[in-house]
Amino acid sequence: MRTVAVVLAGGVGARFGEAVPKQLVEVAGTSILAHSIAAFEASRLVDDILVVMAPGHLDAARSIIGASGFTKVVGVIEGGATRTDSTMRALEELGSDECRVLLHDAARPAVSGDVIASVVTALSSHDAVGPAVESTDTTVLVDGDVMVEVLPRHRLRRMQTPQGFILSVIRAATVAAAADDAQEATDDCSAVLRHVPGVDVLIVPGDPDNIKVTTSADLEVAERLLTR
């Protein structure tokens, strides 16, 4: 069974405040997108890479891929209006043959080979896998601006990507999530948890350095991590 990494770069990064999508911004000598692709290019456990790019920026993504000499990238497709739409388009592109699928936010350029390997390895025994790190802060539930409950920190985790799935499982979850008008899935593991009863989502250790670049302030952190 082949392993396909889907690098999700379909968002426009509205919170980032730049004229171009954040995945095209350079950090540590190259674009955020190139750093993310390079992590999967370097993994011996990944066979192919599919890039989902923001509308209007596909040529820029292809230029980055060509200049970087990536050999595993099998396609660059246009993303949708939401994350679920982008995931759906990627799964449609993969066809019907069963495979392992890794869904990764392009905005996490410092993902390590160890995290990728942990997710892929876990897919030999589970159909859905997500890396996560422990919460080091006290986390509370609020009603408006009033704290009403302190959540048990030892049970809380912060989800990261790549999240791994057997294709048929994530396809079923994504189709159901797309039809759910009540609640949009914020990540792919939550879509499986909500819409595919009976499939356990295994949590494997993530990496504190696997940060998501969301605002311009995150660039300084990413610069230090990637330069190191």
C-alpha atoms as a PDB file:
ATOM      1  CA  MET A   1       0.000   0.000   0.000  1.00  0.00           C
ATOM      2  CA  ARG A   2       1.546   3.314  -1.046  1.00  0.00           C
ATOM      3  CA  THR A   3       1.761   6.349   1.234  1.00  0.00           C
ATOM      4  CA  VAL A   4       0.722   9.722  -0.178  1.00  0.00           C
ATOM      5  CA  ALA A   5       1.428  12.985   1.621  1.00  0.00           C
ATOM      6  CA  VAL A   6      -1.097  15.721   0.868  1.00  0.00           C
ATOM      7  CA  VAL A   7       0.323  19.168   1.630  1.00  0.00           C
ATOM      8  CA  LEU A   8      -2.649  21.446   2.221  1.00  0.00           C
ATOM      9  CA  ALA A   9      -1.768  24.974   1.133  1.00  0.00           C
ATOM     10  CA  GLY A  10      -5.220  25.999  -0.016  1.00  0.00           C
ATOM     11  CA  GLY A  11      -5.818  28.814   2.457  1.00  0.00           C
ATOM     12  CA  VAL A  12      -5.133  32.486   1.796  1.00  0.00           C
ATOM     13  CA  GLY A  13      -3.894  33.221   5.329  1.00  0.00           C
ATOM     14  CA  ALA A  14      -6.215  36.125   6.093  1.00  0.00           C
ATOM     15  CA  ARG A  15      -4.815  36.469   9.627  1.00  0.00           C
ATOM     16  CA  PHE A  16      -1.264  36.645   8.319  1.00  0.00           C
ATOM     17  CA  GLY A  17      -1.613  40.118   6.844  1.00  0.00           C
ATOM     18  CA  GLU A  18       0.499  39.648   3.708  1.00  0.00           C
ATOM     19  CA  ALA A  19      -0.335  40.256   0.044  1.00  0.00           C
ATOM     20  CA  VAL A  20       0.386  36.628  -0.819  1.00  0.00           C
ATOM     21  CA  PRO A  21      -0.652  33.412   0.977  1.00  0.00           C
ATOM     22  CA  LYS A  22       1.584  32.724   3.952  1.00  0.00           C
ATOM     23  CA  GLN A  23       2.807  29.450   2.460  1.00  0.00           C
ATOM     24  CA  LEU A  24       4.637  31.467  -0.230  1.00  0.00           C
ATOM     25  CA  VAL A  25       6.435  33.716   2.275  1.00  0.00           C
ATOM     26  CA  GLU A  26      10.147  32.963   2.650  1.00  0.00           C
ATOM     27  CA  VAL A  27      11.663  31.863   5.936  1.00  0.00           C
ATOM     28  CA  ALA A  28      15.185  30.521   6.476  1.00  0.00           C
ATOM     29  CA  GLY A  29      16.062  30.931   2.830  1.00  0.00           C
ATOM     30  CA  THR A  30      13.062  29.413   1.098  1.00  0.00           C
ATOM     31  CA  SER A  31       9.260  29.415   1.149  1.00  0.00           C
ATOM     32  CA  ILE A  32       7.180  27.898   3.920  1.00  0.00           C
ATOM     33  CA  LEU A  33       5.640  25.634   1.279  1.00  0.00           C
ATOM     34  CA  ALA A  34       9.033  24.339   0.167  1.00  0.00           C
ATOM     35  CA  HIS A  35      10.056  23.526   3.750  1.00  0.00           C
ATOM     36  CA  SER A  36       6.879  21.493   4.275  1.00  0.00           C
ATOM     37  CA  ILE A  37       7.230  19.584   1.000  1.00  0.00           C
ATOM     38  CA  ALA A  38      10.916  18.916   1.712  1.00  0.00           C
ATOM     39  CA  ALA A  39      10.078  17.087   4.940  1.00  0.00           C
ATOM     40  CA  PHE A  40       8.021  14.499   3.045  1.00  0.00           C
ATOM     41  CA  GLU A  41      10.439  14.404   0.128  1.00  0.00           C
ATOM     42  CA  ALA A  42      13.139  13.337   2.591  1.00  0.00           C
ATOM     43  CA  SER A  43      11.056  10.599   4.241  1.00  0.00           C
ATOM     44  CA  ARG A  44      11.719   7.114   2.933  1.00  0.00           C
ATOM     45  CA  LEU A  45       8.220   6.156   4.126  1.00  0.00           C
ATOM     46  CA  VAL A  46       6.459   8.551   1.726  1.00  0.00           C
ATOM     47  CA  ASP A  47       5.977   7.540  -1.903  1.00  0.00           C
ATOM     48  CA  ASP A  48       4.124  10.477  -3.459  1.00  0.00           C
ATOM     49  CA  ILE A  49       3.266  14.075  -2.594  1.00  0.00           C
ATOM     50  CA  LEU A  50       0.165  15.974  -3.713  1.00  0.00           C
ATOM     51  CA  VAL A  51       0.013  19.741  -3.175  1.00  0.00           C
ATOM     52  CA  VAL A  52      -3.313  21.553  -2.721  1.00  0.00           C
ATOM     53  CA  MET A  53      -2.715  25.233  -3.462  1.00  0.00           C
ATOM     54  CA  ALA A  54      -4.738  28.409  -2.976  1.00  0.00           C
ATOM     55  CA  PRO A  55      -6.645  29.514  -6.104  1.00  0.00           C
ATOM     56  CA  GLY A  56      -4.649  31.882  -8.278  1.00  0.00           C
ATOM     57  CA  HIS A  57      -1.283  30.708  -6.951  1.00  0.00           C
ATOM     58  CA  LEU A  58      -0.802  27.323  -8.618  1.00  0.00           C
ATOM     59  CA  ASP A  59       1.904  28.606 -10.968  1.00  0.00           C
ATOM     60  CA  ALA A  60       3.858  29.973  -8.008  1.00  0.00           C
ATOM     61  CA  ALA A  61       3.670  26.578  -6.294  1.00  0.00           C
ATOM     62  CA  ARG A  62       4.796  24.783  -9.457  1.00  0.00           C
ATOM     63  CA  SER A  63       7.707  27.198  -9.786  1.00  0.00           C
ATOM     64  CA  ILE A  64       8.802  26.503  -6.210  1.00  0.00           C
ATOM     65  CA  ILE A  65       8.545  22.744  -6.757  1.00  0.00           C
ATOM     66  CA  GLY A  66      10.540  22.918  -9.987  1.00  0.00           C
ATOM     67  CA  ALA A  67      13.265  25.100  -8.517  1.00  0.00           C
ATOM     68  CA  SER A  68      13.593  22.829  -5.484  1.00  0.00           C
ATOM     69  CA  GLY A  69      13.971  19.682  -7.561  1.00  0.00           C
ATOM     70  CA  PHE A  70      11.332  17.705  -5.694  1.00  0.00           C
ATOM     71  CA  THR A  71      10.828  14.305  -7.357  1.00  0.00           C
ATOM     72  CA  LYS A  72       7.909  12.902  -5.356  1.00  0.00           C
ATOM     73  CA  VAL A  73       5.368  15.630  -6.197  1.00  0.00           C
ATOM     74  CA  VAL A  74       2.789  14.069  -8.495  1.00  0.00           C
ATOM     75  CA  GLY A  75       0.470  17.055  -8.834  1.00  0.00           C
ATOM     76  CA  VAL A  76      -0.582  20.545  -7.783  1.00  0.00           C
ATOM     77  CA  ILE A  77      -4.341  21.093  -7.579  1.00  0.00           C
ATOM     78  CA  GLU A  78      -6.543  24.016  -6.607  1.00  0.00           C
ATOM     79  CA  GLY A  79      -7.935  24.167  -3.098  1.00  0.00           C
ATOM     80  CA  GLY A  80     -11.540  24.839  -2.143  1.00  0.00           C
ATOM     81  CA  ALA A  81     -13.318  27.470  -0.097  1.00  0.00           C
ATOM     82  CA  THR A  82     -12.830  25.563   3.177  1.00  0.00           C
ATOM     83  CA  ARG A  83     -10.364  23.046   4.562  1.00  0.00           C
ATOM     84  CA  THR A  84     -12.954  20.300   4.104  1.00  0.00           C
ATOM     85  CA  ASP A  85     -13.395  21.307   0.456  1.00  0.00           C
ATOM     86  CA  SER A  86      -9.636  21.200  -0.095  1.00  0.00           C
ATOM     87  CA  THR A  87      -9.354  17.792   1.545  1.00  0.00           C
ATOM     88  CA  MET A  88     -12.218  16.503  -0.579  1.00  0.00           C
ATOM     89  CA  ARG A  89     -10.531  17.650  -3.778  1.00  0.00           C
ATOM     90  CA  ALA A  90      -7.301  15.928  -2.761  1.00  0.00           C
ATOM     91  CA  LEU A  91      -9.072  12.653  -1.980  1.00  0.00           C
ATOM     92  CA  GLU A  92     -10.875  12.769  -5.325  1.00  0.00           C
ATOM     93  CA  GLU A  93      -7.509  13.240  -7.023  1.00  0.00           C
ATOM     94  CA  LEU A  94      -6.138  10.112  -5.309  1.00  0.00           C
ATOM     95  CA  GLY A  95      -8.730   7.882  -6.955  1.00  0.00           C
ATOM     96  CA  SER A  96     -10.190   4.677  -5.559  1.00  0.00           C
ATOM     97  CA  ASP A  97      -7.167   2.479  -4.856  1.00  0.00           C
ATOM     98  CA  GLU A  98      -6.670   2.064  -1.120  1.00  0.00           C
ATOM     99  CA  CYS A  99      -3.599   3.815   0.271  1.00  0.00           C
ATOM    100  CA  ARG A 100      -2.245   5.569   3.331  1.00  0.00           C
ATOM    101  CA  VAL A 101      -2.919   9.309   3.283  1.00  0.00           C
ATOM    102  CA  LEU A 102      -1.031  11.905   5.300  1.00  0.00           C
ATOM    103  CA  LEU A 103      -2.782  15.281   5.497  1.00  0.00           C
ATOM    104  CA  HIS A 104      -0.421  18.090   6.467  1.00  0.00           C
ATOM    105  CA  ASP A 105      -0.848  21.823   6.933  1.00  0.00           C
ATOM    106  CA  ALA A 106       1.677  23.576   4.706  1.00  0.00           C
ATOM    107  CA  ALA A 107       1.883  26.224   7.446  1.00  0.00           C
ATOM    108  CA  ARG A 108       3.821  23.734   9.621  1.00  0.00           C
ATOM    109  CA  PRO A 109       7.228  23.983   7.925  1.00  0.00           C
ATOM    110  CA  ALA A 110       9.261  22.527  10.806  1.00  0.00           C
ATOM    111  CA  VAL A 111       7.645  19.087  10.870  1.00  0.00           C
ATOM    112  CA  SER A 112      10.242  16.442  11.644  1.00  0.00           C
ATOM    113  CA  GLY A 113      10.959  13.109  10.034  1.00  0.00           C
ATOM    114  CA  ASP A 114      10.351  11.438  13.393  1.00  0.00           C
ATOM    115  CA  VAL A 115       6.762  12.733  13.574  1.00  0.00           C
ATOM    116  CA  ILE A 116       6.101  11.628   9.985  1.00  0.00           C
ATOM    117  CA  ALA A 117       7.540   8.184  10.720  1.00  0.00           C
ATOM    118  CA  SER A 118       5.468   7.795  13.887  1.00  0.00           C
ATOM    119  CA  VAL A 119       2.235   8.519  12.019  1.00  0.00           C
ATOM    120  CA  VAL A 120       3.026   6.233   9.078  1.00  0.00           C
ATOM    121  CA  THR A 121       4.145   3.383  11.335  1.00  0.00           C
ATOM    122  CA  ALA A 122       0.981   3.636  13.445  1.00  0.00           C
ATOM    123  CA  LEU A 123      -1.145   3.240  10.305  1.00  0.00           C
ATOM    124  CA  SER A 124      -0.074  -0.404  10.181  1.00  0.00           C
ATOM    125  CA  SER A 125      -2.398  -1.066  13.120  1.00  0.00           C
ATOM    126  CA  HIS A 126      -4.869   1.858  13.106  1.00  0.00           C
ATOM    127  CA  ASP A 127      -6.998   3.518  10.441  1.00  0.00           C
ATOM    128  CA  ALA A 128      -6.679   7.069  11.817  1.00  0.00           C
ATOM    129  CA  VAL A 129      -3.682   8.624  13.552  1.00  0.00           C
ATOM    130  CA  GLY A 130      -2.910  12.125  14.799  1.00  0.00           C
ATOM    131  CA  PRO A 131       0.202  13.580  16.441  1.00  0.00           C
ATOM    132  CA  ALA A 132      -0.365  15.763  19.491  1.00  0.00           C
ATOM    133  CA  VAL A 133       1.519  17.446  22.294  1.00  0.00           C
ATOM    134  CA  GLU A 134       0.525  17.836  25.916  1.00  0.00           C
ATOM    135  CA  SER A 135      -1.014  21.073  27.110  1.00  0.00           C
ATOM    136  CA  THR A 136       1.379  22.852  29.462  1.00  0.00           C
ATOM    137  CA  ASP A 137      -1.051  25.635  30.345  1.00  0.00           C
ATOM    138  CA  THR A 138      -4.091  25.478  32.562  1.00  0.00           C
ATOM    139  CA  THR A 139      -7.062  25.338  30.190  1.00  0.00           C
ATOM    140  CA  VAL A 140     -10.458  26.639  31.230  1.00  0.00           C
ATOM    141  CA  LEU A 141     -14.006  26.576  29.913  1.00  0.00           C
ATOM    142  CA  VAL A 142     -15.697  29.973  29.808  1.00  0.00           C
ATOM    143  CA  ASP A 143     -19.201  31.349  29.513  1.00  0.00           C
ATOM    144  CA  GLY A 144     -18.681  34.677  27.803  1.00  0.00           C
ATOM    145  CA  ASP A 145     -15.805  36.168  29.775  1.00  0.00           C
ATOM    146  CA  VAL A 146     -16.451  34.193  32.953  1.00  0.00           C
ATOM    147  CA  MET A 147     -14.486  31.058  33.827  1.00  0.00           C
ATOM    148  CA  VAL A 148     -16.848  28.204  34.664  1.00  0.00           C
ATOM    149  CA  GLU A 149     -14.643  25.123  34.698  1.00  0.00           C
ATOM    150  CA  VAL A 150     -10.986  24.090  34.809  1.00  0.00           C
ATOM    151  CA  LEU A 151     -10.422  21.249  32.352  1.00  0.00           C
ATOM    152  CA  PRO A 152      -8.226  18.269  33.362  1.00  0.00           C
ATOM    153  CA  ARG A 153      -4.875  19.197  31.839  1.00  0.00           C
ATOM    154  CA  HIS A 154      -3.492  15.647  31.944  1.00  0.00           C
ATOM    155  CA  ARG A 155      -6.187  14.600  29.444  1.00  0.00           C
ATOM    156  CA  LEU A 156      -5.753  17.521  27.046  1.00  0.00           C
ATOM    157  CA  ARG A 157      -3.633  17.479  23.906  1.00  0.00           C
ATOM    158  CA  ARG A 158      -2.937  20.010  21.152  1.00  0.00           C
ATOM    159  CA  MET A 159      -3.339  18.410  17.745  1.00  0.00           C
ATOM    160  CA  GLN A 160      -0.764  18.760  14.983  1.00  0.00           C
ATOM    161  CA  THR A 161      -0.249  17.440  11.469  1.00  0.00           C
ATOM    162  CA  PRO A 162       0.440  15.323   9.501  1.00  0.00           C
ATOM    163  CA  GLN A 163      -2.605  13.302  10.396  1.00  0.00           C
ATOM    164  CA  GLY A 164      -2.692   9.867   8.808  1.00  0.00           C
ATOM    165  CA  PHE A 165      -5.553   7.736   7.528  1.00  0.00           C
ATOM    166  CA  ILE A 166      -6.519   4.809   5.412  1.00  0.00           C
ATOM    167  CA  LEU A 167      -8.049   6.412   2.314  1.00  0.00           C
ATOM    168  CA  SER A 168     -11.515   4.859   2.586  1.00  0.00           C
ATOM    169  CA  VAL A 169     -11.840   6.031   6.210  1.00  0.00           C
ATOM    170  CA  ILE A 170     -10.896   9.664   5.651  1.00  0.00           C
ATOM    171  CA  ARG A 171     -13.007   9.765   2.491  1.00  0.00           C
ATOM    172  CA  ALA A 172     -16.103   8.644   4.425  1.00  0.00           C
ATOM    173  CA  ALA A 173     -15.378  11.192   7.163  1.00  0.00           C
ATOM    174  CA  THR A 174     -14.815  14.037   4.715  1.00  0.00           C
ATOM    175  CA  VAL A 175     -17.980  13.348   2.728  1.00  0.00           C
ATOM    176  CA  ALA A 176     -19.987  13.372   5.963  1.00  0.00           C
ATOM    177  CA  ALA A 177     -18.236  16.500   7.219  1.00  0.00           C
ATOM    178  CA  ALA A 178     -18.983  18.332   3.979  1.00  0.00           C
ATOM    179  CA  ALA A 179     -22.685  17.578   4.460  1.00  0.00           C
ATOM    180  CA  ASP A 180     -22.693  18.679   8.102  1.00  0.00           C
ATOM    181  CA  ASP A 181     -24.013  22.243   8.163  1.00  0.00           C
ATOM    182  CA  ALA A 182     -24.032  22.386  11.957  1.00  0.00           C
ATOM    183  CA  GLN A 183     -20.304  22.191  12.603  1.00  0.00           C
ATOM    184  CA  GLU A 184     -17.260  22.586  10.377  1.00  0.00           C
ATOM    185  CA  ALA A 185     -14.376  20.198  11.031  1.00  0.00           C
ATOM    186  CA  THR A 186     -11.268  22.085  12.127  1.00  0.00           C
ATOM    187  CA  ASP A 187      -9.026  19.147  11.362  1.00  0.00           C
ATOM    188  CA  ASP A 188      -9.300  15.720   9.787  1.00  0.00           C
ATOM    189  CA  CYS A 189      -9.039  13.595  12.928  1.00  0.00           C
ATOM    190  CA  SER A 190     -12.025  15.417  14.394  1.00  0.00           C
ATOM    191  CA  ALA A 191     -13.996  14.609  11.226  1.00  0.00           C
ATOM    192  CA  VAL A 192     -13.279  10.898  11.718  1.00  0.00           C
ATOM    193  CA  LEU A 193     -14.160  11.064  15.408  1.00  0.00           C
ATOM    194  CA  ARG A 194     -17.467  12.779  14.660  1.00  0.00           C
ATOM    195  CA  HIS A 195     -18.572  10.995  11.514  1.00  0.00           C
ATOM    196  CA  VAL A 196     -17.063   7.487  11.427  1.00  0.00           C
ATOM    197  CA  PRO A 197     -18.254   5.618  14.531  1.00  0.00           C
ATOM    198  CA  GLY A 198     -16.169   2.624  15.503  1.00  0.00           C
ATOM    199  CA  VAL A 199     -12.881   3.973  14.170  1.00  0.00           C
ATOM    200  CA  ASP A 200     -10.495   4.881  16.970  1.00  0.00           C
ATOM    201  CA  VAL A 201      -8.193   7.847  16.373  1.00  0.00           C
ATOM    202  CA  LEU A 202      -4.794   6.913  17.789  1.00  0.00           C
ATOM    203  CA  ILE A 203      -2.752   9.754  19.275  1.00  0.00           C
ATOM    204  CA  VAL A 204       1.038   9.573  18.842  1.00  0.00           C
ATOM    205  CA  PRO A 205       3.601  12.009  20.262  1.00  0.00           C
ATOM    206  CA  GLY A 206       3.923  15.240  18.343  1.00  0.00           C
ATOM    207  CA  ASP A 207       6.754  17.751  18.535  1.00  0.00           C
ATOM    208  CA  PRO A 208       6.645  21.172  20.263  1.00  0.00           C
ATOM    209  CA  ASP A 209       8.763  22.534  17.394  1.00  0.00           C
ATOM    210  CA  ASN A 210       6.091  21.543  14.851  1.00  0.00           C
ATOM    211  CA  ILE A 211       4.476  24.973  15.094  1.00  0.00           C
ATOM    212  CA  LYS A 212       1.826  26.374  12.794  1.00  0.00           C
ATOM    213  CA  VAL A 213       2.671  29.732  11.248  1.00  0.00           C
ATOM    214  CA  THR A 214      -0.526  31.697  11.722  1.00  0.00           C
ATOM    215  CA  THR A 215       0.597  35.300  12.237  1.00  0.00           C
ATOM    216  CA  SER A 216       3.646  37.275  11.135  1.00  0.00           C
ATOM    217  CA  ALA A 217       5.047  36.972  14.673  1.00  0.00           C
ATOM    218  CA  ASP A 218       5.304  33.206  14.173  1.00  0.00           C
ATOM    219  CA  LEU A 219       7.825  33.772  11.376  1.00  0.00           C
ATOM    220  CA  GLU A 220      10.572  34.674  13.852  1.00  0.00           C
ATOM    221  CA  VAL A 221      10.021  31.422  15.731  1.00  0.00           C
ATOM    222  CA  ALA A 222       9.963  29.413  12.495  1.00  0.00           C
ATOM    223  CA  GLU A 223      13.153  31.143  11.341  1.00  0.00           C
ATOM    224  CA  ARG A 224      14.985  30.057  14.481  1.00  0.00           C
ATOM    225  CA  LEU A 225      13.686  26.493  14.298  1.00  0.00           C
ATOM    226  CA  LEU A 226      14.483  25.998  10.616  1.00  0.00           C
ATOM    227  CA  THR A 227      17.878  27.659  10.811  1.00  0.00           C
ATOM    228  CA  ARG A 228      18.799  25.446  13.759  1.00  0.00           C
END
